[in-house]
C-alpha atoms as a PDB file:
ATOM      1  CA  MET A   1      10.568  16.736  -5.526  1.00  0.00           C
ATOM      2  CA  GLN A   2       7.043  15.885  -6.694  1.00  0.00           C
ATOM      3  CA  TYR A   3       6.356  12.552  -8.365  1.00  0.00           C
ATOM      4  CA  PRO A   4       3.502  11.820 -10.734  1.00  0.00           C
ATOM      5  CA  ILE A   5       0.515  10.153  -9.040  1.00  0.00           C
ATOM      6  CA  GLU A   6       0.897   7.163 -11.315  1.00  0.00           C
ATOM      7  CA  ASP A   7       4.418   6.565  -9.991  1.00  0.00           C
ATOM      8  CA  LEU A   8       3.132   6.895  -6.442  1.00  0.00           C
ATOM      9  CA  ILE A   9       0.467   4.311  -7.036  1.00  0.00           C
ATOM     10  CA  ARG A  10       2.954   1.868  -8.508  1.00  0.00           C
ATOM     11  CA  CYS A  11       5.291   2.459  -5.539  1.00  0.00           C
ATOM     12  CA  VAL A  12       2.543   1.735  -3.041  1.00  0.00           C
ATOM     13  CA  GLN A  13       1.443  -1.367  -4.963  1.00  0.00           C
ATOM     14  CA  ARG A  14       5.059  -2.675  -4.798  1.00  0.00           C
ATOM     15  CA  GLU A  15       5.038  -1.961  -1.023  1.00  0.00           C
ATOM     16  CA  ILE A  16       1.817  -3.909  -0.648  1.00  0.00           C
ATOM     17  CA  SER A  17       3.315  -6.872  -2.474  1.00  0.00           C
ATOM     18  CA  LEU A  18       6.409  -6.659  -0.321  1.00  0.00           C
ATOM     19  CA  ARG A  19       4.405  -6.622   2.924  1.00  0.00           C
ATOM     20  CA  GLN A  20       2.282  -9.564   1.717  1.00  0.00           C
ATOM     21  CA  SER A  21       5.392 -11.650   1.071  1.00  0.00           C
ATOM     22  CA  LEU A  22       7.465 -10.501   3.989  1.00  0.00           C
ATOM     23  CA  PHE A  23       5.002 -10.191   6.909  1.00  0.00           C
ATOM     24  CA  PRO A  24       3.969 -13.854   7.123  1.00  0.00           C
ATOM     25  CA  SER A  25       7.642 -14.825   7.914  1.00  0.00           C
ATOM     26  CA  LEU A  26       7.835 -12.010  10.502  1.00  0.00           C
ATOM     27  CA  VAL A  27       4.660 -13.314  12.112  1.00  0.00           C
ATOM     28  CA  ASN A  28       6.044 -16.873  12.123  1.00  0.00           C
ATOM     29  CA  GLU A  29       9.271 -15.838  13.820  1.00  0.00           C
ATOM     30  CA  GLY A  30       7.372 -13.762  16.379  1.00  0.00           C
ATOM     31  CA  SER A  31       8.667 -10.369  15.306  1.00  0.00           C
ATOM     32  CA  MET A  32       5.186  -9.186  14.406  1.00  0.00           C
ATOM     33  CA  THR A  33       1.660 -10.310  15.397  1.00  0.00           C
ATOM     34  CA  THR A  34      -0.953 -11.321  12.879  1.00  0.00           C
ATOM     35  CA  ASP A  35      -3.025  -8.300  13.844  1.00  0.00           C
ATOM     36  CA  GLU A  36      -0.022  -5.938  13.335  1.00  0.00           C
ATOM     37  CA  ALA A  37       0.642  -7.503   9.907  1.00  0.00           C
ATOM     38  CA  GLU A  38      -3.050  -7.197   8.884  1.00  0.00           C
ATOM     39  CA  ILE A  39      -3.282  -3.599  10.059  1.00  0.00           C
ATOM     40  CA  GLU A  40      -0.066  -2.504   8.430  1.00  0.00           C
ATOM     41  CA  THR A  41      -0.995  -4.125   5.060  1.00  0.00           C
ATOM     42  CA  SER A  42      -4.579  -2.800   5.264  1.00  0.00           C
ATOM     43  CA  MET A  43      -3.394   0.723   5.822  1.00  0.00           C
ATOM     44  CA  MET A  44      -1.144   0.570   2.753  1.00  0.00           C
ATOM     45  CA  VAL A  45      -4.063  -0.854   0.691  1.00  0.00           C
ATOM     46  CA  GLN A  46      -6.078   2.147   1.845  1.00  0.00           C
ATOM     47  CA  VAL A  47      -3.310   4.497   0.781  1.00  0.00           C
ATOM     48  CA  ALA A  48      -3.337   2.840  -2.702  1.00  0.00           C
ATOM     49  CA  GLU A  49      -7.126   3.138  -2.892  1.00  0.00           C
ATOM     50  CA  HIS A  50      -7.054   6.801  -1.916  1.00  0.00           C
ATOM     51  CA  LEU A  51      -4.381   7.605  -4.528  1.00  0.00           C
ATOM     52  CA  ILE A  52      -6.323   5.710  -7.236  1.00  0.00           C
ATOM     53  CA  ARG A  53      -9.553   7.621  -6.326  1.00  0.00           C
ATOM     54  CA  HIS A  54      -7.649  10.873  -6.376  1.00  0.00           C
ATOM     55  CA  SER A  55      -6.124  10.080  -9.744  1.00  0.00           C
ATOM     56  CA  ASN A  56      -9.581   9.073 -11.157  1.00  0.00           C
ATOM     57  CA  GLN A  57     -11.110  12.299  -9.860  1.00  0.00           C
ATOM     58  CA  LYS A  58      -8.323  14.326 -11.352  1.00  0.00           C
ATOM     59  CA  GLU A  59      -8.790  12.597 -14.767  1.00  0.00           C
ATOM     60  CA  ASN A  60     -12.544  13.133 -14.704  1.00  0.00           C
ATOM     61  CA  SER A  61     -12.206  16.840 -14.015  1.00  0.00           C
ATOM     62  CA  LEU A  62     -10.196  17.434 -17.215  1.00  0.00           C
END
């Protein structure tokens, strides 16, 4: 199934929020390092930025 890019962007944004709220506690309990948390969150931010750029390019080409 293919989802609209707007839905994908919202999904990734929810995931970023989840990581930002969950990862600090995982770091505090020792399940994850600060570096791991920052990398994982940063990668998801890059995914969101990529999707947004793609969406903007698609809109501009219409």
